Protein backbone atom coordinates (compact mmCIF):
# COMPACT_ATOMS: atom_id res chain seq x y z
CA UNK A 1 100.21 79.85 78.32
CA UNK A 2 99.51 81.73 81.47
CA UNK A 3 96.40 83.92 81.24
CA UNK A 4 95.90 87.53 82.22
CA UNK A 5 91.99 87.29 82.06
CA UNK A 6 91.76 86.20 85.85
CA UNK A 7 94.20 88.72 87.09
CA UNK A 8 93.65 92.24 88.18
CA UNK A 9 95.50 94.84 85.94
CA UNK A 10 97.40 97.42 87.81
CA UNK A 11 99.07 99.30 84.98
CA UNK A 12 98.71 99.50 81.21
CA UNK A 13 100.59 101.26 78.43
CA UNK A 14 99.47 101.43 74.66
CA UNK A 15 101.73 101.71 71.78
CA UNK A 16 100.57 102.41 68.25
CA UNK A 17 100.30 98.64 67.55
CA UNK A 18 100.46 96.83 70.64
CA UNK A 19 99.66 97.02 74.47
CA UNK A 20 101.32 95.94 77.66
CA UNK A 21 99.79 95.32 81.18
CA UNK A 22 101.07 94.84 84.66
CA UNK A 23 99.21 92.71 86.81
CA UNK A 24 98.71 93.14 90.83
CA UNK A 25 101.41 90.17 90.78
CA UNK A 26 103.89 92.20 88.83
CA UNK A 27 103.60 89.96 85.73
CA UNK A 28 103.59 91.54 82.45
CA UNK A 29 101.40 90.59 79.51
CA UNK A 30 101.04 91.98 76.00
CA UNK A 31 98.66 91.94 73.21
CA UNK A 32 98.30 93.26 69.73
CA UNK A 33 100.64 93.29 66.52
CA UNK A 34 103.84 91.29 66.72
CA UNK A 35 105.57 91.84 63.36
CA UNK A 36 108.65 93.22 64.99
CA UNK A 37 108.63 91.11 68.27
CA UNK A 38 106.91 93.82 70.23
CA UNK A 39 104.78 91.43 72.23
CA UNK A 40 108.10 89.98 73.76
CA UNK A 41 106.56 86.45 73.75
CA UNK A 42 109.55 84.93 71.87
CA UNK A 43 108.45 85.15 68.28
CA UNK A 44 107.41 87.50 65.63
CA UNK A 45 104.01 85.90 64.75
CA UNK A 46 100.79 87.93 64.81
CA UNK A 47 97.97 85.65 65.17
CA UNK A 48 95.38 88.26 64.60
CA UNK A 49 93.24 87.47 67.72
CA UNK A 50 92.88 89.20 71.16
CA UNK A 51 95.19 87.06 73.27
CA UNK A 52 97.37 88.20 76.17
CA UNK A 53 101.01 86.90 76.04
CA UNK A 54 103.23 86.55 78.94
CA UNK A 55 106.37 88.40 78.52
CA UNK A 56 109.50 86.31 78.21
CA UNK A 57 113.05 87.23 79.25
CA UNK A 58 112.53 88.70 82.69
CA UNK A 59 113.23 86.53 85.71
CA UNK A 60 110.22 85.59 87.72
CA UNK A 61 111.86 87.02 90.77
CA UNK A 62 111.86 90.43 89.26
CA UNK A 63 108.88 92.68 90.06
CA UNK A 64 108.01 95.14 87.22
CA UNK A 65 106.83 98.26 88.41
CA UNK A 66 106.29 100.44 85.22
CA UNK A 67 105.97 99.67 81.61
CA UNK A 68 106.03 102.14 78.43
CA UNK A 69 105.13 101.21 74.92
CA UNK A 70 106.39 102.95 71.91
CA UNK A 71 105.16 102.59 68.41
CA UNK A 72 106.52 98.98 68.06
CA UNK A 73 108.88 98.79 71.03
CA UNK A 74 108.57 98.60 74.77
CA UNK A 75 110.57 99.21 78.02
CA UNK A 76 109.82 97.80 81.37
CA UNK A 77 111.48 98.81 84.75
CA UNK A 78 111.79 96.44 87.73
CA UNK A 79 111.67 97.16 91.42
CA UNK A 80 115.38 97.00 91.51
CA UNK A 81 115.99 99.55 88.90
CA UNK A 82 116.72 97.17 85.98
CA UNK A 83 115.51 98.26 82.61
CA UNK A 84 114.32 95.88 79.92
CA UNK A 85 113.54 96.51 76.25
CA UNK A 86 112.20 94.62 73.37
CA UNK A 87 110.61 95.08 70.02
CA UNK A 88 111.41 97.22 66.99
CA UNK A 89 115.09 98.49 66.80
CA UNK A 90 116.00 99.51 63.65
CA UNK A 91 117.47 102.78 64.93
CA UNK A 92 118.93 101.36 68.09
CA UNK A 93 115.97 102.67 70.16
CA UNK A 94 116.08 99.72 72.61
CA UNK A 95 119.72 100.79 73.85
CA UNK A 96 121.27 97.24 73.41
CA UNK A 97 124.10 98.33 71.14
CA UNK A 98 122.63 96.90 67.83
CA UNK A 99 119.85 97.34 65.31
CA UNK A 100 118.51 94.01 65.51
CA UNK A 101 114.77 93.47 66.66
CA UNK A 102 114.46 91.61 69.77
CA UNK A 103 111.43 89.35 70.58
CA UNK A 104 112.11 88.92 74.20
CA UNK A 105 112.69 91.36 76.84
CA UNK A 106 116.37 91.96 77.24
CA UNK A 107 118.42 93.72 80.18
CA UNK A 108 119.52 97.04 78.92
């Protein structure tokens, strides 16, 4: 797993149950609760420790410039205008046309 510990944080967003960080290298890391996949790390397991998870589902060539956390879901904006979402989706709040939770960032 890649670590955010040795990287400078450029931006941060806090949700009710999780947080997301953008590093100076435009990498995204998340921490906190994950029961709805809101960490975007590919699973829905909460390990109960303070670990920073790299976000999955966004190509390494995409530079993330903005991030916003809701209560249990998040959105990221790339430098090319692409919007990604992940996490809790029981009301369709991810904008993906369904009501399934997503545990990886998905292009809207």
